[in-house]
Amino acid sequence: MTPEEQFAAHLTAGEVRFQRCGACGALRSIPRAVCHHCLSREARWEPAPAQGVVVSFIVAHEAIATDVPAPYTVVHADFGDAVRFTANLVGDGPSPAIGTPVRFVIAERDGRPLAQLARA
């Protein structure tokens, strides 16, 4: 199973998990076969941190390669340990401020699980 398939399997099971390198300990939110720090192929899956904070965001006023109707907000969130995750922000409310706490939510789109962010 590829790292991307493993990530999706965890989402299907209701969990967001990140890979941690077995050699250098680097955490990565984008599943890959090789560590981006040391190029090791050793990795284990760990639960993602429960909460992150918004470090940047955009409000898309035109749909960009998605079936989500505009406007929608895309958030870049810091989950500590040098890991950032980018996803759309779900739920009503104004645009987030930098530092707004967020958490993961798992949705389904086109029969596939999808990690999204919501205000914590």
N, C-alpha and C. Protein backbone atom coordinates (compact mmCIF):
# COMPACT_ATOMS: atom_id res chain seq x y z
N MET A 1 0.84 -1.18 0.00
CA MET A 1 0.00 0.00 0.00
C MET A 1 0.90 1.25 0.00
N THR A 2 0.57 2.21 -0.83
CA THR A 2 1.37 3.43 -0.90
C THR A 2 1.10 4.30 0.35
N PRO A 3 2.01 5.23 0.66
CA PRO A 3 1.75 6.13 1.79
C PRO A 3 0.44 6.92 1.63
N GLU A 4 0.12 7.31 0.41
CA GLU A 4 -1.13 8.04 0.18
C GLU A 4 -2.34 7.16 0.48
N GLU A 5 -2.27 5.88 0.09
CA GLU A 5 -3.35 4.94 0.38
C GLU A 5 -3.46 4.68 1.88
N GLN A 6 -2.32 4.61 2.58
CA GLN A 6 -2.34 4.43 4.03
C GLN A 6 -2.99 5.63 4.72
N PHE A 7 -2.64 6.84 4.25
CA PHE A 7 -3.23 8.06 4.81
C PHE A 7 -4.75 8.01 4.64
N ALA A 8 -5.21 7.64 3.44
CA ALA A 8 -6.64 7.54 3.17
C ALA A 8 -7.31 6.46 4.02
N ALA A 9 -6.62 5.35 4.24
CA ALA A 9 -7.17 4.28 5.08
C ALA A 9 -7.36 4.76 6.51
N HIS A 10 -6.42 5.53 7.02
CA HIS A 10 -6.57 6.10 8.37
C HIS A 10 -7.77 7.05 8.42
N LEU A 11 -7.93 7.88 7.38
CA LEU A 11 -9.08 8.78 7.33
C LEU A 11 -10.38 7.99 7.32
N THR A 12 -10.44 6.92 6.54
CA THR A 12 -11.63 6.07 6.47
C THR A 12 -11.95 5.50 7.85
N ALA A 13 -10.90 5.22 8.64
CA ALA A 13 -11.08 4.69 9.99
C ALA A 13 -11.39 5.81 11.00
N GLY A 14 -11.47 7.06 10.52
CA GLY A 14 -11.81 8.17 11.40
C GLY A 14 -10.63 8.81 12.09
N GLU A 15 -9.42 8.59 11.57
CA GLU A 15 -8.21 9.14 12.20
C GLU A 15 -7.40 9.92 11.19
N VAL A 16 -6.85 11.04 11.64
CA VAL A 16 -5.86 11.76 10.85
C VAL A 16 -4.52 11.40 11.46
N ARG A 17 -3.66 10.83 10.64
CA ARG A 17 -2.32 10.42 11.12
C ARG A 17 -1.26 11.00 10.21
N PHE A 18 -0.13 11.34 10.82
CA PHE A 18 1.03 11.84 10.09
C PHE A 18 2.14 10.80 10.19
N GLN A 19 3.06 10.84 9.25
CA GLN A 19 4.22 9.95 9.29
C GLN A 19 5.33 10.60 10.12
N ARG A 20 6.04 9.77 10.90
CA ARG A 20 7.24 10.21 11.59
C ARG A 20 8.38 9.34 11.10
N CYS A 21 9.48 9.97 10.69
CA CYS A 21 10.64 9.25 10.19
C CYS A 21 11.23 8.40 11.29
N GLY A 22 11.50 7.14 10.98
CA GLY A 22 12.12 6.24 11.94
C GLY A 22 13.60 6.48 12.13
N ALA A 23 14.22 7.24 11.24
CA ALA A 23 15.65 7.52 11.34
C ALA A 23 15.93 8.85 12.04
N CYS A 24 15.33 9.95 11.55
CA CYS A 24 15.66 11.27 12.11
C CYS A 24 14.54 11.84 12.98
N GLY A 25 13.35 11.24 12.95
CA GLY A 25 12.24 11.70 13.79
C GLY A 25 11.42 12.83 13.21
N ALA A 26 11.70 13.26 11.98
CA ALA A 26 10.94 14.35 11.36
C ALA A 26 9.49 13.91 11.14
N LEU A 27 8.58 14.81 11.44
CA LEU A 27 7.16 14.56 11.24
C LEU A 27 6.76 15.16 9.90
N ARG A 28 5.93 14.45 9.15
CA ARG A 28 5.48 14.99 7.87
C ARG A 28 3.98 14.75 7.69
N SER A 29 3.32 15.80 7.26
CA SER A 29 1.87 15.72 7.08
C SER A 29 1.50 15.24 5.69
N ILE A 30 2.41 15.41 4.74
CA ILE A 30 2.17 14.90 3.39
C ILE A 30 2.80 13.52 3.30
N PRO A 31 1.99 12.48 3.10
CA PRO A 31 2.55 11.13 3.09
C PRO A 31 3.49 10.91 1.92
N ARG A 32 4.67 10.41 2.23
CA ARG A 32 5.69 10.16 1.21
C ARG A 32 6.44 8.87 1.57
N ALA A 33 7.02 8.25 0.57
CA ALA A 33 7.79 7.03 0.78
C ALA A 33 9.16 7.31 1.37
N VAL A 34 9.65 8.55 1.22
CA VAL A 34 11.00 8.91 1.66
C VAL A 34 10.93 10.18 2.51
N CYS A 35 11.73 10.22 3.58
CA CYS A 35 11.78 11.39 4.45
C CYS A 35 12.38 12.58 3.70
N HIS A 36 11.77 13.74 3.86
CA HIS A 36 12.24 14.94 3.19
C HIS A 36 13.47 15.54 3.86
N HIS A 37 13.82 15.06 5.07
CA HIS A 37 15.01 15.55 5.76
C HIS A 37 16.24 14.68 5.52
N CYS A 38 16.06 13.37 5.69
CA CYS A 38 17.24 12.48 5.65
C CYS A 38 17.17 11.41 4.56
N LEU A 39 16.07 11.35 3.83
CA LEU A 39 15.86 10.39 2.73
C LEU A 39 15.69 8.94 3.18
N SER A 40 15.45 8.74 4.48
CA SER A 40 15.19 7.40 4.98
C SER A 40 13.83 6.92 4.50
N ARG A 41 13.70 5.60 4.35
CA ARG A 41 12.41 5.00 3.98
C ARG A 41 11.67 4.49 5.22
N GLU A 42 12.27 4.62 6.39
CA GLU A 42 11.63 4.17 7.63
C GLU A 42 10.62 5.20 8.09
N ALA A 43 9.41 4.75 8.40
CA ALA A 43 8.39 5.67 8.90
C ALA A 43 7.36 4.90 9.72
N ARG A 44 6.79 5.60 10.66
CA ARG A 44 5.66 5.05 11.43
C ARG A 44 4.56 6.11 11.42
N TRP A 45 3.34 5.66 11.60
CA TRP A 45 2.19 6.56 11.59
C TRP A 45 1.82 6.93 13.02
N GLU A 46 1.61 8.22 13.27
CA GLU A 46 1.21 8.72 14.59
C GLU A 46 -0.04 9.56 14.45
N PRO A 47 -0.88 9.58 15.49
CA PRO A 47 -2.04 10.47 15.42
C PRO A 47 -1.59 11.92 15.25
N ALA A 48 -2.29 12.64 14.40
CA ALA A 48 -1.99 14.06 14.22
C ALA A 48 -2.33 14.80 15.51
N PRO A 49 -1.65 15.90 15.78
CA PRO A 49 -2.01 16.69 16.95
C PRO A 49 -3.49 17.07 16.90
N ALA A 50 -4.12 17.17 18.06
CA ALA A 50 -5.56 17.44 18.12
C ALA A 50 -5.91 18.83 17.64
N GLN A 51 -4.98 19.77 17.77
CA GLN A 51 -5.31 21.15 17.44
C GLN A 51 -4.10 21.85 16.83
N GLY A 52 -4.39 22.75 15.90
CA GLY A 52 -3.36 23.58 15.31
C GLY A 52 -3.81 25.03 15.33
N VAL A 53 -3.00 25.90 14.75
CA VAL A 53 -3.35 27.31 14.67
C VAL A 53 -3.15 27.82 13.25
N VAL A 54 -4.01 28.72 12.82
CA VAL A 54 -3.93 29.30 11.49
C VAL A 54 -2.68 30.19 11.41
N VAL A 55 -1.87 29.93 10.36
CA VAL A 55 -0.71 30.79 10.12
C VAL A 55 -0.90 31.64 8.86
N SER A 56 -1.80 31.24 7.98
CA SER A 56 -2.19 32.05 6.84
C SER A 56 -3.47 31.46 6.25
N PHE A 57 -4.13 32.27 5.42
CA PHE A 57 -5.35 31.79 4.78
C PHE A 57 -5.65 32.67 3.57
N ILE A 58 -6.47 32.12 2.70
CA ILE A 58 -7.01 32.90 1.58
C ILE A 58 -8.50 32.64 1.51
N VAL A 59 -9.21 33.59 0.96
CA VAL A 59 -10.62 33.40 0.65
C VAL A 59 -10.71 33.36 -0.88
N ALA A 60 -11.08 32.20 -1.39
CA ALA A 60 -11.21 32.03 -2.84
C ALA A 60 -12.60 32.50 -3.25
N HIS A 61 -12.63 33.50 -4.12
CA HIS A 61 -13.91 34.04 -4.59
C HIS A 61 -14.35 33.40 -5.90
N GLU A 62 -13.47 32.60 -6.50
CA GLU A 62 -13.81 31.77 -7.65
C GLU A 62 -13.34 30.36 -7.33
N ALA A 63 -14.13 29.36 -7.71
CA ALA A 63 -13.75 27.97 -7.47
C ALA A 63 -12.48 27.65 -8.24
N ILE A 64 -11.50 27.10 -7.53
CA ILE A 64 -10.21 26.77 -8.13
C ILE A 64 -10.06 25.25 -8.08
N ALA A 65 -10.26 24.58 -9.20
CA ALA A 65 -10.08 23.12 -9.30
C ALA A 65 -10.82 22.37 -8.19
N THR A 66 -12.03 22.78 -7.89
CA THR A 66 -12.81 22.11 -6.88
C THR A 66 -14.29 22.25 -7.19
N ASP A 67 -15.08 21.37 -6.60
CA ASP A 67 -16.53 21.48 -6.78
C ASP A 67 -17.16 22.22 -5.61
N VAL A 68 -16.35 22.74 -4.69
CA VAL A 68 -16.85 23.52 -3.56
C VAL A 68 -17.25 24.89 -4.10
N PRO A 69 -18.48 25.32 -3.84
CA PRO A 69 -18.89 26.62 -4.36
C PRO A 69 -18.15 27.77 -3.66
N ALA A 70 -17.76 28.75 -4.44
CA ALA A 70 -17.08 29.93 -3.89
C ALA A 70 -18.12 30.86 -3.28
N PRO A 71 -17.74 31.67 -2.33
CA PRO A 71 -16.40 31.77 -1.75
C PRO A 71 -16.17 30.69 -0.70
N TYR A 72 -14.91 30.29 -0.55
CA TYR A 72 -14.51 29.35 0.49
C TYR A 72 -13.13 29.76 1.00
N THR A 73 -12.79 29.29 2.19
CA THR A 73 -11.54 29.67 2.83
C THR A 73 -10.59 28.48 2.85
N VAL A 74 -9.36 28.72 2.44
CA VAL A 74 -8.30 27.72 2.50
C VAL A 74 -7.32 28.17 3.58
N VAL A 75 -7.02 27.28 4.52
CA VAL A 75 -6.21 27.61 5.68
C VAL A 75 -4.90 26.83 5.65
N HIS A 76 -3.84 27.51 6.02
CA HIS A 76 -2.54 26.89 6.23
C HIS A 76 -2.34 26.91 7.74
N ALA A 77 -2.31 25.74 8.39
CA ALA A 77 -2.28 25.67 9.85
C ALA A 77 -1.02 24.98 10.35
N ASP A 78 -0.50 25.48 11.45
CA ASP A 78 0.69 24.94 12.10
C ASP A 78 0.23 23.96 13.16
N PHE A 79 0.69 22.72 13.07
CA PHE A 79 0.35 21.69 14.04
C PHE A 79 1.53 21.33 14.92
N GLY A 80 2.49 22.24 15.03
CA GLY A 80 3.65 22.02 15.88
C GLY A 80 4.61 21.03 15.26
N ASP A 81 5.74 20.84 15.92
CA ASP A 81 6.75 19.87 15.48
C ASP A 81 7.14 20.08 14.00
N ALA A 82 7.15 21.35 13.59
CA ALA A 82 7.54 21.73 12.22
C ALA A 82 6.61 21.17 11.15
N VAL A 83 5.34 20.94 11.49
CA VAL A 83 4.38 20.40 10.52
C VAL A 83 3.28 21.42 10.27
N ARG A 84 3.02 21.64 8.98
CA ARG A 84 1.91 22.49 8.57
C ARG A 84 1.01 21.70 7.62
N PHE A 85 -0.26 22.04 7.65
CA PHE A 85 -1.25 21.33 6.85
C PHE A 85 -2.15 22.36 6.19
N THR A 86 -2.46 22.17 4.92
CA THR A 86 -3.31 23.09 4.19
C THR A 86 -4.59 22.37 3.79
N ALA A 87 -5.72 22.99 4.09
CA ALA A 87 -7.02 22.41 3.75
C ALA A 87 -8.07 23.51 3.78
N ASN A 88 -9.25 23.19 3.25
CA ASN A 88 -10.31 24.18 3.33
C ASN A 88 -10.90 24.19 4.73
N LEU A 89 -11.37 25.37 5.13
CA LEU A 89 -11.99 25.57 6.44
C LEU A 89 -13.49 25.38 6.28
N VAL A 90 -14.05 24.48 7.05
CA VAL A 90 -15.49 24.21 6.96
C VAL A 90 -16.20 24.89 8.12
N GLY A 91 -17.48 25.12 7.94
CA GLY A 91 -18.29 25.76 8.97
C GLY A 91 -18.51 27.22 8.65
N ASP A 92 -19.53 27.76 9.25
CA ASP A 92 -19.89 29.15 9.02
C ASP A 92 -19.06 30.06 9.91
N GLY A 93 -19.07 31.31 9.55
CA GLY A 93 -18.37 32.30 10.36
C GLY A 93 -17.50 33.17 9.49
N PRO A 94 -16.97 34.21 10.10
CA PRO A 94 -16.10 35.12 9.35
C PRO A 94 -14.76 34.46 9.04
N SER A 95 -13.99 35.12 8.21
CA SER A 95 -12.64 34.62 7.92
C SER A 95 -11.86 34.50 9.23
N PRO A 96 -11.02 33.50 9.34
CA PRO A 96 -10.27 33.33 10.58
C PRO A 96 -9.18 34.40 10.70
N ALA A 97 -8.73 34.61 11.90
CA ALA A 97 -7.57 35.48 12.13
C ALA A 97 -6.34 34.59 12.27
N ILE A 98 -5.18 35.15 12.02
CA ILE A 98 -3.95 34.41 12.28
C ILE A 98 -3.95 34.05 13.76
N GLY A 99 -3.64 32.79 14.06
CA GLY A 99 -3.67 32.33 15.45
C GLY A 99 -4.96 31.65 15.87
N THR A 100 -5.97 31.65 14.98
CA THR A 100 -7.24 30.98 15.29
C THR A 100 -6.99 29.48 15.46
N PRO A 101 -7.45 28.88 16.56
CA PRO A 101 -7.29 27.43 16.73
C PRO A 101 -8.18 26.66 15.74
N VAL A 102 -7.63 25.59 15.17
CA VAL A 102 -8.38 24.73 14.25
C VAL A 102 -8.15 23.27 14.63
N ARG A 103 -9.06 22.44 14.17
CA ARG A 103 -8.98 20.99 14.40
C ARG A 103 -9.34 20.29 13.10
N PHE A 104 -9.00 19.02 13.02
CA PHE A 104 -9.33 18.23 11.84
C PHE A 104 -10.77 17.75 11.91
N VAL A 105 -11.39 17.68 10.75
CA VAL A 105 -12.66 16.98 10.55
C VAL A 105 -12.48 16.14 9.29
N ILE A 106 -13.15 15.03 9.26
CA ILE A 106 -13.03 14.13 8.11
C ILE A 106 -14.35 14.12 7.36
N ALA A 107 -14.27 14.39 6.08
CA ALA A 107 -15.46 14.40 5.22
C ALA A 107 -15.25 13.37 4.12
N GLU A 108 -16.26 13.23 3.29
CA GLU A 108 -16.15 12.34 2.14
C GLU A 108 -16.52 13.13 0.89
N ARG A 109 -15.72 13.00 -0.13
CA ARG A 109 -16.02 13.65 -1.40
C ARG A 109 -15.74 12.66 -2.52
N ASP A 110 -16.73 12.46 -3.36
CA ASP A 110 -16.61 11.53 -4.48
C ASP A 110 -16.19 10.14 -4.02
N GLY A 111 -16.71 9.72 -2.87
CA GLY A 111 -16.42 8.39 -2.35
C GLY A 111 -15.05 8.23 -1.71
N ARG A 112 -14.33 9.35 -1.52
CA ARG A 112 -12.98 9.29 -0.92
C ARG A 112 -12.96 10.13 0.35
N PRO A 113 -12.23 9.68 1.38
CA PRO A 113 -12.13 10.48 2.60
C PRO A 113 -11.27 11.72 2.37
N LEU A 114 -11.58 12.78 3.09
CA LEU A 114 -10.89 14.04 2.91
C LEU A 114 -10.69 14.71 4.27
N ALA A 115 -9.46 15.09 4.58
CA ALA A 115 -9.18 15.82 5.83
C ALA A 115 -9.42 17.30 5.57
N GLN A 116 -10.26 17.89 6.42
CA GLN A 116 -10.56 19.30 6.35
C GLN A 116 -10.30 19.91 7.74
N LEU A 117 -10.38 21.24 7.81
CA LEU A 117 -10.16 21.93 9.08
C LEU A 117 -11.43 22.68 9.48
N ALA A 118 -11.64 22.77 10.79
CA ALA A 118 -12.74 23.53 11.35
C ALA A 118 -12.21 24.30 12.56
N ARG A 119 -12.91 25.36 12.92
CA ARG A 119 -12.52 26.09 14.12
C ARG A 119 -12.61 25.16 15.33
N ALA A 120 -11.62 25.24 16.20
CA ALA A 120 -11.59 24.36 17.38
C ALA A 120 -12.50 24.91 18.47
